[in-house]
C-alpha atoms as a PDB file:
ATOM      1  CA  MET A   1       0.410 -17.481   0.337  1.00  0.00           C
ATOM      2  CA  ILE A   2       0.477 -14.851  -2.569  1.00  0.00           C
ATOM      3  CA  ASN A   3      -0.266 -15.780  -5.983  1.00  0.00           C
ATOM      4  CA  TYR A   4       1.437 -14.983  -9.044  1.00  0.00           C
ATOM      5  CA  PRO A   5      -0.209 -11.820 -10.058  1.00  0.00           C
ATOM      6  CA  ASN A   6      -0.258 -10.354  -6.671  1.00  0.00           C
ATOM      7  CA  TYR A   7       3.812 -11.546  -6.721  1.00  0.00           C
ATOM      8  CA  LEU A   8       3.896  -9.034  -9.642  1.00  0.00           C
ATOM      9  CA  ARG A   9       1.992  -6.352  -7.882  1.00  0.00           C
ATOM     10  CA  LEU A  10       4.454  -6.913  -5.020  1.00  0.00           C
ATOM     11  CA  ILE A  11       7.441  -6.401  -7.063  1.00  0.00           C
ATOM     12  CA  LYS A  12       6.044  -3.383  -8.576  1.00  0.00           C
ATOM     13  CA  LEU A  13       5.589  -1.824  -5.049  1.00  0.00           C
ATOM     14  CA  ASN A  14       8.987  -1.622  -4.478  1.00  0.00           C
ATOM     15  CA  TRP A  15       9.283   1.808  -6.365  1.00  0.00           C
ATOM     16  CA  LEU A  16       7.947   2.919  -2.993  1.00  0.00           C
ATOM     17  CA  HIS A  17      11.054   2.279  -1.094  1.00  0.00           C
ATOM     18  CA  LEU A  18      13.004   4.304  -3.675  1.00  0.00           C
ATOM     19  CA  ALA A  19      10.703   7.263  -3.570  1.00  0.00           C
ATOM     20  CA  GLY A  20      10.854   6.956   0.140  1.00  0.00           C
ATOM     21  CA  PHE A  21      14.455   7.220   0.132  1.00  0.00           C
ATOM     22  CA  TYR A  22      14.881   9.878  -2.150  1.00  0.00           C
ATOM     23  CA  VAL A  23      12.213  12.185  -0.088  1.00  0.00           C
ATOM     24  CA  VAL A  24      14.206  11.395   3.115  1.00  0.00           C
ATOM     25  CA  ILE A  25      17.555  12.278   1.325  1.00  0.00           C
ATOM     26  CA  GLU A  26      16.311  15.439   0.041  1.00  0.00           C
ATOM     27  CA  LEU A  27      14.819  16.544   3.561  1.00  0.00           C
ATOM     28  CA  PHE A  28      18.082  15.406   5.114  1.00  0.00           C
ATOM     29  CA  MET A  29      19.955  17.649   2.294  1.00  0.00           C
ATOM     30  CA  ILE A  30      17.709  20.426   2.982  1.00  0.00           C
ATOM     31  CA  THR A  31      18.315  20.585   6.548  1.00  0.00           C
ATOM     32  CA  TYR A  32      22.046  20.015   6.164  1.00  0.00           C
ATOM     33  CA  ALA A  33      22.093  23.058   3.773  1.00  0.00           C
ATOM     34  CA  ILE A  34      19.983  25.609   6.277  1.00  0.00           C
ATOM     35  CA  LEU A  35      22.292  24.498   8.938  1.00  0.00           C
ATOM     36  CA  ASP A  36      25.366  25.107   6.829  1.00  0.00           C
ATOM     37  CA  VAL A  37      23.578  28.749   5.876  1.00  0.00           C
ATOM     38  CA  LEU A  38      22.878  29.262   9.430  1.00  0.00           C
ATOM     39  CA  GLN A  39      26.640  28.714  10.112  1.00  0.00           C
ATOM     40  CA  THR A  40      28.490  30.330   7.342  1.00  0.00           C
ATOM     41  CA  ASN A  41      25.703  33.238   6.550  1.00  0.00           C
ATOM     42  CA  GLN A  42      26.172  32.489   2.932  1.00  0.00           C
ATOM     43  CA  TRP A  43      23.004  31.751   0.898  1.00  0.00           C
ATOM     44  CA  GLN A  44      24.349  31.640  -2.723  1.00  0.00           C
ATOM     45  CA  PRO A  45      25.242  27.697  -2.764  1.00  0.00           C
ATOM     46  CA  PHE A  46      21.674  27.044  -0.645  1.00  0.00           C
ATOM     47  CA  ILE A  47      19.765  26.508  -3.901  1.00  0.00           C
ATOM     48  CA  THR A  48      22.392  24.238  -5.578  1.00  0.00           C
ATOM     49  CA  LYS A  49      22.793  22.161  -2.243  1.00  0.00           C
ATOM     50  CA  ILE A  50      19.153  21.421  -2.059  1.00  0.00           C
ATOM     51  CA  LEU A  51      18.284  20.678  -5.606  1.00  0.00           C
ATOM     52  CA  LEU A  52      21.431  18.922  -6.763  1.00  0.00           C
ATOM     53  CA  ASN A  53      23.107  16.917  -3.496  1.00  0.00           C
ATOM     54  CA  ALA A  54      20.146  14.515  -3.141  1.00  0.00           C
ATOM     55  CA  PRO A  55      19.885  13.310  -6.776  1.00  0.00           C
ATOM     56  CA  PHE A  56      23.826  13.159  -6.888  1.00  0.00           C
ATOM     57  CA  LEU A  57      24.090  11.687  -3.343  1.00  0.00           C
ATOM     58  CA  MET A  58      21.466   8.676  -4.785  1.00  0.00           C
ATOM     59  CA  LEU A  59      23.334   7.868  -8.061  1.00  0.00           C
ATOM     60  CA  THR A  60      26.346   8.239  -7.056  1.00  0.00           C
ATOM     61  CA  TYR A  61      27.434   7.181  -3.538  1.00  0.00           C
ATOM     62  CA  GLY A  62      24.040   5.442  -2.964  1.00  0.00           C
ATOM     63  CA  LEU A  63      23.777   3.593  -6.223  1.00  0.00           C
ATOM     64  CA  ILE A  64      25.414   0.330  -4.961  1.00  0.00           C
ATOM     65  CA  PRO A  65      23.704   0.060  -1.648  1.00  0.00           C
ATOM     66  CA  ILE A  66      20.324   0.652  -3.695  1.00  0.00           C
ATOM     67  CA  VAL A  67      20.846  -2.137  -5.917  1.00  0.00           C
ATOM     68  CA  ILE A  68      21.780  -4.465  -3.000  1.00  0.00           C
ATOM     69  CA  PHE A  69      18.730  -3.422  -1.202  1.00  0.00           C
ATOM     70  CA  CYS A  70      16.791  -3.910  -4.216  1.00  0.00           C
ATOM     71  CA  VAL A  71      17.971  -7.674  -4.922  1.00  0.00           C
ATOM     72  CA  VAL A  72      17.768  -8.480  -1.181  1.00  0.00           C
ATOM     73  CA  ILE A  73      14.370  -7.143  -0.599  1.00  0.00           C
ATOM     74  CA  LEU A  74      13.204  -9.028  -3.968  1.00  0.00           C
ATOM     75  CA  LEU A  75      14.598 -11.965  -2.749  1.00  0.00           C
ATOM     76  CA  LEU A  76      13.142 -11.812   0.791  1.00  0.00           C
ATOM     77  CA  ASP A  77       9.850 -11.067  -0.927  1.00  0.00           C
ATOM     78  CA  ALA A  78      10.348 -14.003  -2.947  1.00  0.00           C
ATOM     79  CA  ILE A  79      11.187 -16.600   0.089  1.00  0.00           C
ATOM     80  CA  PHE A  80       8.791 -14.952   2.678  1.00  0.00           C
ATOM     81  CA  PHE A  81       5.522 -14.411   0.704  1.00  0.00           C
ATOM     82  CA  ALA A  82       6.154 -18.022  -1.110  1.00  0.00           C
ATOM     83  CA  THR A  83       6.781 -19.668   1.921  1.00  0.00           C
ATOM     84  CA  MET A  84       5.238 -17.969   4.928  1.00  0.00           C
ATOM     85  CA  ASN A  85       1.268 -18.112   5.435  1.00  0.00           C
ATOM     86  CA  ARG A  86       1.025 -15.188   7.315  1.00  0.00           C
ATOM     87  CA  SER A  87      -0.335 -11.356   6.788  1.00  0.00           C
ATOM     88  CA  ALA A  88       1.501  -8.908   4.340  1.00  0.00           C
ATOM     89  CA  LEU A  89       2.113  -6.659   7.148  1.00  0.00           C
ATOM     90  CA  TYR A  90       3.656  -9.440   9.276  1.00  0.00           C
ATOM     91  CA  ILE A  91       6.203 -10.399   6.577  1.00  0.00           C
ATOM     92  CA  VAL A  92       7.118  -6.645   5.644  1.00  0.00           C
ATOM     93  CA  LEU A  93       7.619  -6.098   9.228  1.00  0.00           C
ATOM     94  CA  VAL A  94       9.958  -9.141   9.311  1.00  0.00           C
ATOM     95  CA  GLU A  95      11.780  -7.870   6.381  1.00  0.00           C
ATOM     96  CA  TRP A  96      12.152  -4.429   8.004  1.00  0.00           C
ATOM     97  CA  CYS A  97      13.690  -6.314  11.128  1.00  0.00           C
ATOM     98  CA  ILE A  98      16.191  -7.864   8.866  1.00  0.00           C
ATOM     99  CA  ILE A  99      17.390  -5.249   7.112  1.00  0.00           C
ATOM    100  CA  ALA A 100      17.086  -2.108   9.292  1.00  0.00           C
ATOM    101  CA  PRO A 101      19.700  -3.073  11.553  1.00  0.00           C
ATOM    102  CA  ILE A 102      22.211  -2.964   9.035  1.00  0.00           C
ATOM    103  CA  PHE A 103      21.298   0.677   8.261  1.00  0.00           C
ATOM    104  CA  ILE A 104      21.382   1.398  11.890  1.00  0.00           C
ATOM    105  CA  TYR A 105      24.724  -0.171  12.216  1.00  0.00           C
ATOM    106  CA  TRP A 106      26.064   1.766   9.369  1.00  0.00           C
ATOM    107  CA  SER A 107      24.869   5.143  10.832  1.00  0.00           C
ATOM    108  CA  PHE A 108      27.026   4.288  14.175  1.00  0.00           C
ATOM    109  CA  GLU A 109      29.701   2.862  12.161  1.00  0.00           C
ATOM    110  CA  TYR A 110      30.371   5.655   9.818  1.00  0.00           C
ATOM    111  CA  LYS A 111      28.693   8.387  11.926  1.00  0.00           C
ATOM    112  CA  TYR A 112      26.256   9.308   9.193  1.00  0.00           C
ATOM    113  CA  TRP A 113      23.167   9.689  10.700  1.00  0.00           C
ATOM    114  CA  LEU A 114      21.126   9.714   7.514  1.00  0.00           C
ATOM    115  CA  TRP A 115      21.284   5.797   7.656  1.00  0.00           C
ATOM    116  CA  ILE A 116      18.839   6.095  10.671  1.00  0.00           C
ATOM    117  CA  ALA A 117      16.413   8.280   8.807  1.00  0.00           C
ATOM    118  CA  LEU A 118      16.589   5.661   5.928  1.00  0.00           C
ATOM    119  CA  ALA A 119      15.566   3.009   8.025  1.00  0.00           C
ATOM    120  CA  ALA A 120      12.695   5.150   9.316  1.00  0.00           C
ATOM    121  CA  SER A 121      11.555   5.482   5.674  1.00  0.00           C
ATOM    122  CA  PHE A 122      12.028   1.821   4.917  1.00  0.00           C
ATOM    123  CA  LEU A 123       9.553   1.314   7.903  1.00  0.00           C
ATOM    124  CA  VAL A 124       7.076   3.579   6.655  1.00  0.00           C
ATOM    125  CA  THR A 125       7.161   2.509   3.023  1.00  0.00           C
ATOM    126  CA  GLN A 126       6.966  -1.298   4.163  1.00  0.00           C
ATOM    127  CA  VAL A 127       3.658  -0.647   6.036  1.00  0.00           C
ATOM    128  CA  TRP A 128       2.219   1.640   3.057  1.00  0.00           C
ATOM    129  CA  ARG A 129       3.215  -1.261   0.671  1.00  0.00           C
ATOM    130  CA  SER A 130       1.683  -3.958   2.939  1.00  0.00           C
ATOM    131  CA  ARG A 131      -1.424  -1.725   2.891  1.00  0.00           C
ATOM    132  CA  LYS A 132      -1.588  -1.524  -0.672  1.00  0.00           C
ATOM    133  CA  LEU A 133      -1.035  -5.278  -0.927  1.00  0.00           C
ATOM    134  CA  MET A 134      -3.973  -6.178   1.200  1.00  0.00           C
ATOM    135  CA  SER A 135      -6.206  -3.610  -0.355  1.00  0.00           C
ATOM    136  CA  GLY A 136      -6.114  -5.649  -3.469  1.00  0.00           C
END
């Protein structure tokens, strides 16, 4: 059971997910730009692609899934941390097991492999978040 001040800390630590998503999207876009340059041998749009595509993708196409993700994770945090008397690591892994299959399904449904990378990022940030919660 997590007390009220720790619950506020739990909510504040959700920024880790957004930072992790941004880093993964940026790495994905850099990889995509490098592969594109190797195919076309045109270096001019490379800098634009690696600097503008990730924020554009996250703030336009990704805005609705990110808002839904944040609402769902806050609801799961509220439910699980209030009702389960388990370690933070156990709870965040259960949350990951609930949300990650959706990302993986979208990856195959839309043939857009960034979703798998985002599921992996979510796992890493969940474990990181649980460690920050347990450290005080």
